[in-house]
Amino acid sequence: MALVAAGNLVVDRGSDGAGSAVRIAGSAFAPIAGESPPGLAFDLVARVAQYRLDTAAARLARGERGRRQRRGARRREGERFGRLPGGVSRATLESIAACESGGDPRIISSNGLYHGKYQFSVDTWESVGGEGSPARASEAEQDFRAALLYARSGPGQWPVCGS
């Protein structure tokens, strides 16, 4: 008796090369219908195994491309928003963000008026060049725009957390 397996598919071929049967995921053996040549069942398993390998390799390749694209986007984001304007320190911004939102860049206030890590109103966000919802912007952009606002207007923009 010879066994060949591919994932959940197992093919059992009798020692004389005839009487092939197929078992899927631990179920009972079921004979392959019809008078198939002895190698047909083994060919089926080989094809299934190759298909699974090919699809797994394709998924891995797509994943690696996606990782490279995300790394490139983060690098470009860092180049664009990495330097904080106006001499504002990261420590100052981190202190404000911790107080305003717990540092969560995606948070939106319960009344829906304030968004993101620094709890910007949409009007204030737009006044420092932001577009759309601050909570949808990258964390680097939120830091940059908060530094712009701090340099322009001081800590009073965050009456509780800026002092």
N, C-alpha and C. Protein backbone atom coordinates (compact mmCIF):
# COMPACT_ATOMS: atom_id res chain seq x y z
N MET A 1 0.85 -1.18 0.00
CA MET A 1 0.00 0.00 0.00
C MET A 1 0.89 1.24 0.00
N ALA A 2 0.59 2.20 -0.82
CA ALA A 2 1.36 3.45 -0.88
C ALA A 2 0.43 4.61 -0.60
N LEU A 3 0.91 5.56 0.20
CA LEU A 3 0.12 6.75 0.52
C LEU A 3 0.83 7.98 -0.02
N VAL A 4 0.05 8.92 -0.55
CA VAL A 4 0.56 10.22 -0.96
C VAL A 4 -0.39 11.24 -0.36
N ALA A 5 0.14 12.33 0.23
CA ALA A 5 -0.72 13.31 0.89
C ALA A 5 -0.40 14.71 0.42
N ALA A 6 -1.42 15.56 0.36
CA ALA A 6 -1.27 16.99 0.07
C ALA A 6 -2.29 17.70 0.94
N GLY A 7 -1.84 18.28 2.02
CA GLY A 7 -2.77 18.96 2.92
C GLY A 7 -3.74 17.97 3.51
N ASN A 8 -5.03 18.18 3.29
CA ASN A 8 -6.07 17.31 3.83
C ASN A 8 -6.40 16.16 2.89
N LEU A 9 -5.77 16.09 1.73
CA LEU A 9 -6.09 15.08 0.73
C LEU A 9 -5.06 13.98 0.80
N VAL A 10 -5.51 12.74 0.98
CA VAL A 10 -4.63 11.58 1.04
C VAL A 10 -5.10 10.58 -0.01
N VAL A 11 -4.17 10.08 -0.80
CA VAL A 11 -4.51 9.07 -1.80
C VAL A 11 -3.82 7.77 -1.41
N ASP A 12 -4.58 6.70 -1.37
CA ASP A 12 -4.06 5.38 -1.02
C ASP A 12 -4.12 4.52 -2.27
N ARG A 13 -2.99 4.00 -2.66
CA ARG A 13 -2.97 3.14 -3.84
C ARG A 13 -2.51 1.77 -3.39
N GLY A 14 -3.26 0.77 -3.75
CA GLY A 14 -2.93 -0.60 -3.38
C GLY A 14 -1.55 -0.99 -3.89
N SER A 15 -0.98 -2.04 -3.29
CA SER A 15 0.37 -2.47 -3.65
C SER A 15 0.46 -2.95 -5.10
N ASP A 16 -0.66 -3.39 -5.68
CA ASP A 16 -0.64 -3.83 -7.07
C ASP A 16 -0.85 -2.67 -8.03
N GLY A 17 -1.00 -1.42 -7.50
CA GLY A 17 -1.16 -0.24 -8.35
C GLY A 17 -2.59 0.01 -8.75
N ALA A 18 -3.50 -0.80 -8.31
CA ALA A 18 -4.92 -0.62 -8.65
C ALA A 18 -5.69 -0.31 -7.37
N GLY A 19 -6.96 -0.02 -7.53
CA GLY A 19 -7.82 0.20 -6.38
C GLY A 19 -7.51 1.46 -5.61
N SER A 20 -7.25 2.56 -6.29
CA SER A 20 -6.95 3.81 -5.61
C SER A 20 -8.16 4.31 -4.85
N ALA A 21 -7.89 4.99 -3.73
CA ALA A 21 -8.95 5.57 -2.92
C ALA A 21 -8.49 6.94 -2.44
N VAL A 22 -9.45 7.80 -2.09
CA VAL A 22 -9.14 9.16 -1.64
C VAL A 22 -9.76 9.36 -0.27
N ARG A 23 -9.00 10.01 0.63
CA ARG A 23 -9.52 10.35 1.95
C ARG A 23 -9.28 11.84 2.14
N ILE A 24 -10.27 12.56 2.64
CA ILE A 24 -10.14 13.99 2.88
C ILE A 24 -10.33 14.25 4.37
N ALA A 25 -9.35 14.90 4.96
CA ALA A 25 -9.39 15.37 6.35
C ALA A 25 -9.88 14.32 7.34
N GLY A 26 -9.27 13.15 7.32
CA GLY A 26 -9.56 12.14 8.32
C GLY A 26 -10.84 11.36 8.11
N SER A 27 -11.53 11.58 7.01
CA SER A 27 -12.75 10.81 6.75
C SER A 27 -12.35 9.42 6.26
N ALA A 28 -13.32 8.57 6.09
CA ALA A 28 -13.04 7.21 5.61
C ALA A 28 -12.55 7.25 4.17
N PHE A 29 -11.81 6.22 3.78
CA PHE A 29 -11.36 6.13 2.39
C PHE A 29 -12.56 5.93 1.49
N ALA A 30 -12.55 6.58 0.35
CA ALA A 30 -13.60 6.40 -0.66
C ALA A 30 -12.92 6.05 -1.96
N PRO A 31 -13.38 5.02 -2.66
CA PRO A 31 -12.71 4.65 -3.91
C PRO A 31 -12.86 5.76 -4.95
N ILE A 32 -11.84 5.91 -5.78
CA ILE A 32 -11.93 6.85 -6.89
C ILE A 32 -12.84 6.24 -7.93
N ALA A 33 -13.82 6.99 -8.39
CA ALA A 33 -14.82 6.47 -9.31
C ALA A 33 -14.19 6.08 -10.64
N GLY A 34 -14.72 5.03 -11.22
CA GLY A 34 -14.31 4.63 -12.57
C GLY A 34 -13.01 3.84 -12.56
N GLU A 35 -12.64 3.41 -13.69
CA GLU A 35 -11.41 2.64 -13.90
C GLU A 35 -10.32 3.61 -14.29
N SER A 36 -9.71 4.25 -13.31
CA SER A 36 -8.67 5.22 -13.62
C SER A 36 -7.32 4.53 -13.61
N PRO A 37 -6.42 5.04 -14.42
CA PRO A 37 -5.07 4.48 -14.40
C PRO A 37 -4.48 4.65 -13.01
N PRO A 38 -3.60 3.76 -12.57
CA PRO A 38 -3.08 3.81 -11.21
C PRO A 38 -2.41 5.13 -10.85
N GLY A 39 -1.78 5.81 -11.77
CA GLY A 39 -1.07 7.05 -11.48
C GLY A 39 -1.96 8.28 -11.42
N LEU A 40 -3.23 8.17 -11.80
CA LEU A 40 -4.11 9.33 -11.86
C LEU A 40 -4.32 9.97 -10.49
N ALA A 41 -4.56 9.15 -9.49
CA ALA A 41 -4.78 9.69 -8.15
C ALA A 41 -3.53 10.39 -7.65
N PHE A 42 -2.37 9.80 -7.90
CA PHE A 42 -1.12 10.42 -7.47
C PHE A 42 -0.88 11.72 -8.22
N ASP A 43 -1.25 11.76 -9.49
CA ASP A 43 -1.11 12.99 -10.27
C ASP A 43 -2.02 14.08 -9.71
N LEU A 44 -3.22 13.70 -9.29
CA LEU A 44 -4.16 14.66 -8.70
C LEU A 44 -3.57 15.26 -7.43
N VAL A 45 -3.03 14.43 -6.56
CA VAL A 45 -2.44 14.92 -5.32
C VAL A 45 -1.26 15.83 -5.63
N ALA A 46 -0.43 15.45 -6.58
CA ALA A 46 0.73 16.27 -6.94
C ALA A 46 0.29 17.64 -7.45
N ARG A 47 -0.77 17.66 -8.26
CA ARG A 47 -1.27 18.94 -8.78
C ARG A 47 -1.84 19.81 -7.67
N VAL A 48 -2.58 19.19 -6.74
CA VAL A 48 -3.13 19.94 -5.62
C VAL A 48 -2.00 20.52 -4.78
N ALA A 49 -0.99 19.70 -4.51
CA ALA A 49 0.15 20.17 -3.72
C ALA A 49 0.87 21.32 -4.42
N GLN A 50 1.08 21.21 -5.72
CA GLN A 50 1.76 22.27 -6.46
C GLN A 50 0.93 23.55 -6.47
N TYR A 51 -0.39 23.43 -6.62
CA TYR A 51 -1.26 24.59 -6.59
C TYR A 51 -1.15 25.30 -5.24
N ARG A 52 -1.16 24.52 -4.15
CA ARG A 52 -1.05 25.12 -2.82
C ARG A 52 0.29 25.81 -2.64
N LEU A 53 1.35 25.20 -3.13
CA LEU A 53 2.66 25.84 -3.05
C LEU A 53 2.69 27.14 -3.85
N ASP A 54 2.14 27.09 -5.06
CA ASP A 54 2.13 28.28 -5.92
C ASP A 54 1.33 29.42 -5.29
N THR A 55 0.16 29.09 -4.73
CA THR A 55 -0.65 30.16 -4.14
C THR A 55 0.00 30.70 -2.88
N ALA A 56 0.64 29.83 -2.10
CA ALA A 56 1.34 30.31 -0.90
C ALA A 56 2.50 31.22 -1.29
N ALA A 57 3.24 30.84 -2.33
CA ALA A 57 4.35 31.68 -2.80
C ALA A 57 3.84 33.02 -3.30
N ALA A 58 2.72 33.03 -4.00
CA ALA A 58 2.15 34.28 -4.50
C ALA A 58 1.71 35.18 -3.35
N ARG A 59 1.10 34.59 -2.30
CA ARG A 59 0.70 35.37 -1.14
C ARG A 59 1.91 35.98 -0.44
N LEU A 60 2.97 35.20 -0.30
CA LEU A 60 4.19 35.72 0.31
C LEU A 60 4.77 36.87 -0.50
N ALA A 61 4.79 36.72 -1.82
CA ALA A 61 5.32 37.78 -2.69
C ALA A 61 4.49 39.05 -2.56
N ARG A 62 3.16 38.91 -2.53
CA ARG A 62 2.30 40.09 -2.36
C ARG A 62 2.54 40.74 -1.02
N GLY A 63 2.72 39.92 0.03
CA GLY A 63 2.98 40.46 1.36
C GLY A 63 4.29 41.23 1.41
N GLU A 64 5.32 40.71 0.76
CA GLU A 64 6.62 41.40 0.76
C GLU A 64 6.52 42.71 -0.01
N ARG A 65 5.81 42.70 -1.15
CA ARG A 65 5.61 43.95 -1.90
C ARG A 65 4.89 44.98 -1.05
N GLY A 66 3.86 44.53 -0.33
CA GLY A 66 3.11 45.43 0.53
C GLY A 66 3.98 45.99 1.64
N ARG A 67 4.82 45.14 2.24
CA ARG A 67 5.73 45.63 3.29
C ARG A 67 6.70 46.66 2.74
N ARG A 68 7.24 46.42 1.56
CA ARG A 68 8.16 47.39 0.94
C ARG A 68 7.45 48.70 0.67
N GLN A 69 6.22 48.62 0.17
CA GLN A 69 5.46 49.84 -0.11
C GLN A 69 5.17 50.62 1.17
N ARG A 70 4.80 49.90 2.25
CA ARG A 70 4.53 50.59 3.52
C ARG A 70 5.80 51.23 4.08
N ARG A 71 6.94 50.52 3.98
CA ARG A 71 8.20 51.10 4.45
C ARG A 71 8.53 52.35 3.67
N GLY A 72 8.33 52.32 2.33
CA GLY A 72 8.59 53.49 1.50
C GLY A 72 7.67 54.65 1.86
N ALA A 73 6.41 54.35 2.13
CA ALA A 73 5.46 55.40 2.50
C ALA A 73 5.85 56.01 3.85
N ARG A 74 6.27 55.17 4.81
CA ARG A 74 6.70 55.72 6.11
C ARG A 74 7.94 56.58 5.95
N ARG A 75 8.87 56.16 5.08
CA ARG A 75 10.09 56.94 4.86
C ARG A 75 9.74 58.30 4.25
N ARG A 76 8.87 58.29 3.24
CA ARG A 76 8.45 59.56 2.62
C ARG A 76 7.72 60.44 3.62
N GLU A 77 6.90 59.82 4.45
CA GLU A 77 6.16 60.56 5.48
C GLU A 77 7.15 61.20 6.45
N GLY A 78 8.18 60.46 6.84
CA GLY A 78 9.20 60.99 7.74
C GLY A 78 9.97 62.14 7.12
N GLU A 79 10.25 62.02 5.80
CA GLU A 79 10.95 63.11 5.11
C GLU A 79 10.08 64.36 5.05
N ARG A 80 8.79 64.17 4.88
CA ARG A 80 7.87 65.29 4.73
C ARG A 80 7.55 65.95 6.07
N PHE A 81 7.34 65.13 7.12
CA PHE A 81 6.88 65.67 8.39
C PHE A 81 7.84 65.40 9.55
N GLY A 82 9.03 64.89 9.27
CA GLY A 82 9.96 64.49 10.32
C GLY A 82 10.51 65.63 11.16
N ARG A 83 10.83 66.75 10.53
CA ARG A 83 11.38 67.89 11.27
C ARG A 83 10.23 68.76 11.77
N LEU A 84 10.24 68.99 13.07
CA LEU A 84 9.18 69.80 13.66
C LEU A 84 9.51 71.28 13.49
N PRO A 85 8.53 72.08 13.06
CA PRO A 85 8.77 73.51 12.86
C PRO A 85 8.76 74.29 14.18
N GLY A 86 9.35 75.45 14.15
CA GLY A 86 9.25 76.40 15.25
C GLY A 86 10.00 76.02 16.52
N GLY A 87 10.90 75.07 16.43
CA GLY A 87 11.68 74.71 17.61
C GLY A 87 10.88 74.01 18.70
N VAL A 88 9.73 73.48 18.38
CA VAL A 88 8.91 72.77 19.36
C VAL A 88 9.53 71.39 19.58
N SER A 89 9.67 71.01 20.84
CA SER A 89 10.29 69.72 21.13
C SER A 89 9.26 68.58 21.07
N ARG A 90 9.76 67.41 20.78
CA ARG A 90 8.90 66.22 20.79
C ARG A 90 8.37 65.95 22.20
N ALA A 91 9.17 66.25 23.20
CA ALA A 91 8.72 66.04 24.59
C ALA A 91 7.50 66.90 24.91
N THR A 92 7.50 68.15 24.44
CA THR A 92 6.36 69.03 24.65
C THR A 92 5.12 68.47 23.97
N LEU A 93 5.29 68.04 22.72
CA LEU A 93 4.16 67.48 21.99
C LEU A 93 3.65 66.19 22.62
N GLU A 94 4.57 65.33 23.06
CA GLU A 94 4.16 64.08 23.69
C GLU A 94 3.37 64.34 24.97
N SER A 95 3.77 65.35 25.71
CA SER A 95 3.06 65.71 26.93
C SER A 95 1.63 66.17 26.62
N ILE A 96 1.49 67.01 25.60
CA ILE A 96 0.16 67.49 25.20
C ILE A 96 -0.69 66.33 24.72
N ALA A 97 -0.11 65.47 23.86
CA ALA A 97 -0.86 64.33 23.30
C ALA A 97 -1.29 63.37 24.39
N ALA A 98 -0.42 63.10 25.35
CA ALA A 98 -0.77 62.19 26.44
C ALA A 98 -1.97 62.72 27.23
N CYS A 99 -1.99 64.00 27.45
CA CYS A 99 -3.08 64.64 28.18
C CYS A 99 -4.37 64.70 27.35
N GLU A 100 -4.25 65.10 26.09
CA GLU A 100 -5.43 65.29 25.23
C GLU A 100 -6.12 63.98 24.85
N SER A 101 -5.32 62.98 24.47
CA SER A 101 -5.92 61.78 23.87
C SER A 101 -5.33 60.47 24.38
N GLY A 102 -4.43 60.57 25.36
CA GLY A 102 -3.72 59.36 25.76
C GLY A 102 -2.72 58.94 24.70
N GLY A 103 -2.44 59.85 23.76
CA GLY A 103 -1.49 59.56 22.67
C GLY A 103 -2.08 58.78 21.51
N ASP A 104 -3.40 58.62 21.48
CA ASP A 104 -4.06 57.84 20.43
C ASP A 104 -4.33 58.72 19.21
N PRO A 105 -3.65 58.46 18.08
CA PRO A 105 -3.84 59.31 16.90
C PRO A 105 -5.17 59.10 16.18
N ARG A 106 -5.92 58.07 16.51
CA ARG A 106 -7.18 57.77 15.81
C ARG A 106 -8.43 58.14 16.60
N ILE A 107 -8.26 58.65 17.79
CA ILE A 107 -9.39 58.91 18.68
C ILE A 107 -10.21 60.11 18.20
N ILE A 108 -11.50 60.05 18.47
CA ILE A 108 -12.42 61.16 18.19
C ILE A 108 -13.20 61.39 19.47
N SER A 109 -13.36 62.65 19.86
CA SER A 109 -14.06 62.96 21.11
C SER A 109 -15.50 62.44 21.07
N SER A 110 -16.08 62.28 22.24
CA SER A 110 -17.44 61.72 22.31
C SER A 110 -18.47 62.60 21.61
N ASN A 111 -18.23 63.93 21.55
CA ASN A 111 -19.17 64.81 20.85
C ASN A 111 -18.83 64.95 19.37
N GLY A 112 -17.74 64.33 18.92
CA GLY A 112 -17.37 64.33 17.51
C GLY A 112 -16.70 65.60 17.02
N LEU A 113 -16.41 66.54 17.92
CA LEU A 113 -15.83 67.82 17.49
C LEU A 113 -14.31 67.81 17.41
N TYR A 114 -13.66 66.93 18.17
CA TYR A 114 -12.20 66.96 18.26
C TYR A 114 -11.63 65.62 17.83
N HIS A 115 -10.55 65.69 17.03
CA HIS A 115 -10.04 64.50 16.36
C HIS A 115 -8.55 64.33 16.56
N GLY A 116 -8.14 63.09 16.70
CA GLY A 116 -6.72 62.74 16.65
C GLY A 116 -5.97 62.93 17.94
N LYS A 117 -4.69 62.76 17.82
CA LYS A 117 -3.75 62.75 18.94
C LYS A 117 -3.78 64.05 19.74
N TYR A 118 -3.98 65.19 19.05
CA TYR A 118 -3.97 66.51 19.71
C TYR A 118 -5.36 67.11 19.82
N GLN A 119 -6.38 66.31 19.48
CA GLN A 119 -7.77 66.74 19.57
C GLN A 119 -8.01 68.06 18.84
N PHE A 120 -7.62 68.06 17.57
CA PHE A 120 -7.87 69.21 16.69
C PHE A 120 -9.34 69.32 16.36
N SER A 121 -9.86 70.54 16.27
CA SER A 121 -11.14 70.74 15.61
C SER A 121 -10.81 70.75 14.12
N VAL A 122 -11.78 70.46 13.29
CA VAL A 122 -11.52 70.42 11.85
C VAL A 122 -11.06 71.80 11.35
N ASP A 123 -11.66 72.88 11.87
CA ASP A 123 -11.26 74.24 11.45
C ASP A 123 -9.80 74.53 11.81
N THR A 124 -9.40 74.17 13.01
CA THR A 124 -8.02 74.41 13.43
C THR A 124 -7.06 73.57 12.59
N TRP A 125 -7.44 72.32 12.33
CA TRP A 125 -6.64 71.43 11.50
C TRP A 125 -6.42 72.04 10.12
N GLU A 126 -7.47 72.54 9.53
CA GLU A 126 -7.35 73.16 8.21
C GLU A 126 -6.53 74.44 8.25
N SER A 127 -6.57 75.15 9.37
CA SER A 127 -5.81 76.40 9.48
C SER A 127 -4.30 76.17 9.48
N VAL A 128 -3.87 74.95 9.81
CA VAL A 128 -2.44 74.63 9.77
C VAL A 128 -2.10 73.73 8.58
N GLY A 129 -3.00 73.73 7.58
CA GLY A 129 -2.72 73.03 6.32
C GLY A 129 -3.19 71.60 6.22
N GLY A 130 -3.88 71.12 7.25
CA GLY A 130 -4.37 69.74 7.20
C GLY A 130 -5.60 69.62 6.31
N GLU A 131 -5.82 68.43 5.81
CA GLU A 131 -6.99 68.15 4.98
C GLU A 131 -7.74 66.95 5.54
N GLY A 132 -9.06 66.99 5.45
CA GLY A 132 -9.87 65.87 5.94
C GLY A 132 -9.87 65.82 7.46
N SER A 133 -10.10 64.63 7.98
CA SER A 133 -10.15 64.44 9.43
C SER A 133 -8.74 64.26 9.99
N PRO A 134 -8.41 64.97 11.05
CA PRO A 134 -7.09 64.76 11.68
C PRO A 134 -6.87 63.32 12.12
N ALA A 135 -7.93 62.64 12.55
CA ALA A 135 -7.81 61.26 13.02
C ALA A 135 -7.44 60.30 11.89
N ARG A 136 -7.60 60.71 10.66
CA ARG A 136 -7.23 59.87 9.53
C ARG A 136 -5.83 60.17 9.01
N ALA A 137 -5.25 61.24 9.49
CA ALA A 137 -3.88 61.61 9.07
C ALA A 137 -2.88 60.75 9.82
N SER A 138 -1.70 60.64 9.25
CA SER A 138 -0.66 59.85 9.92
C SER A 138 -0.26 60.54 11.22
N GLU A 139 0.31 59.77 12.10
CA GLU A 139 0.77 60.32 13.38
C GLU A 139 1.85 61.37 13.14
N ALA A 140 2.73 61.14 12.16
CA ALA A 140 3.79 62.11 11.85
C ALA A 140 3.19 63.43 11.39
N GLU A 141 2.14 63.36 10.57
CA GLU A 141 1.52 64.60 10.13
C GLU A 141 0.83 65.31 11.29
N GLN A 142 0.18 64.57 12.17
CA GLN A 142 -0.46 65.19 13.33
C GLN A 142 0.58 65.89 14.20
N ASP A 143 1.74 65.25 14.41
CA ASP A 143 2.82 65.88 15.19
C ASP A 143 3.27 67.18 14.51
N PHE A 144 3.48 67.12 13.21
CA PHE A 144 3.94 68.27 12.45
C PHE A 144 2.95 69.43 12.55
N ARG A 145 1.67 69.14 12.34
CA ARG A 145 0.65 70.19 12.36
C ARG A 145 0.46 70.75 13.78
N ALA A 146 0.59 69.91 14.79
CA ALA A 146 0.51 70.39 16.17
C ALA A 146 1.69 71.31 16.47
N ALA A 147 2.87 70.98 15.97
CA ALA A 147 4.04 71.84 16.17
C ALA A 147 3.84 73.18 15.47
N LEU A 148 3.26 73.15 14.27
CA LEU A 148 2.95 74.40 13.57
C LEU A 148 2.02 75.27 14.41
N LEU A 149 0.97 74.65 14.93
CA LEU A 149 0.00 75.39 15.74
C LEU A 149 0.65 75.92 17.01
N TYR A 150 1.46 75.12 17.65
CA TYR A 150 2.15 75.55 18.88
C TYR A 150 3.09 76.71 18.58
N ALA A 151 3.84 76.62 17.48
CA ALA A 151 4.78 77.69 17.11
C ALA A 151 4.03 78.98 16.78
N ARG A 152 2.87 78.84 16.16
CA ARG A 152 2.09 80.00 15.74
C ARG A 152 1.33 80.64 16.89
N SER A 153 0.71 79.81 17.75
CA SER A 153 -0.22 80.33 18.75
C SER A 153 0.12 80.00 20.19
N GLY A 154 1.14 79.20 20.40
CA GLY A 154 1.54 78.88 21.76
C GLY A 154 0.70 77.77 22.38
N PRO A 155 0.96 77.49 23.66
CA PRO A 155 0.29 76.38 24.33
C PRO A 155 -1.19 76.65 24.65
N GLY A 156 -1.62 77.88 24.50
CA GLY A 156 -3.02 78.23 24.80
C GLY A 156 -4.03 77.50 23.92
N GLN A 157 -3.59 76.93 22.82
CA GLN A 157 -4.51 76.17 21.96
C GLN A 157 -5.01 74.91 22.68
N TRP A 158 -4.27 74.47 23.70
CA TRP A 158 -4.65 73.34 24.53
C TRP A 158 -4.76 73.87 25.97
N PRO A 159 -5.87 74.51 26.31
CA PRO A 159 -5.98 75.25 27.58
C PRO A 159 -5.66 74.41 28.81
N VAL A 160 -6.04 73.16 28.84
CA VAL A 160 -5.79 72.32 30.01
C VAL A 160 -4.43 71.64 29.88
N CYS A 161 -4.16 71.08 28.70
CA CYS A 161 -2.98 70.23 28.52
C CYS A 161 -1.74 71.00 28.07
N GLY A 162 -1.88 72.21 27.59
CA GLY A 162 -0.73 72.95 27.06
C GLY A 162 0.03 73.73 28.10
N SER A 163 -0.54 73.86 29.28
CA SER A 163 0.14 74.68 30.29
C SER A 163 1.01 73.84 31.21
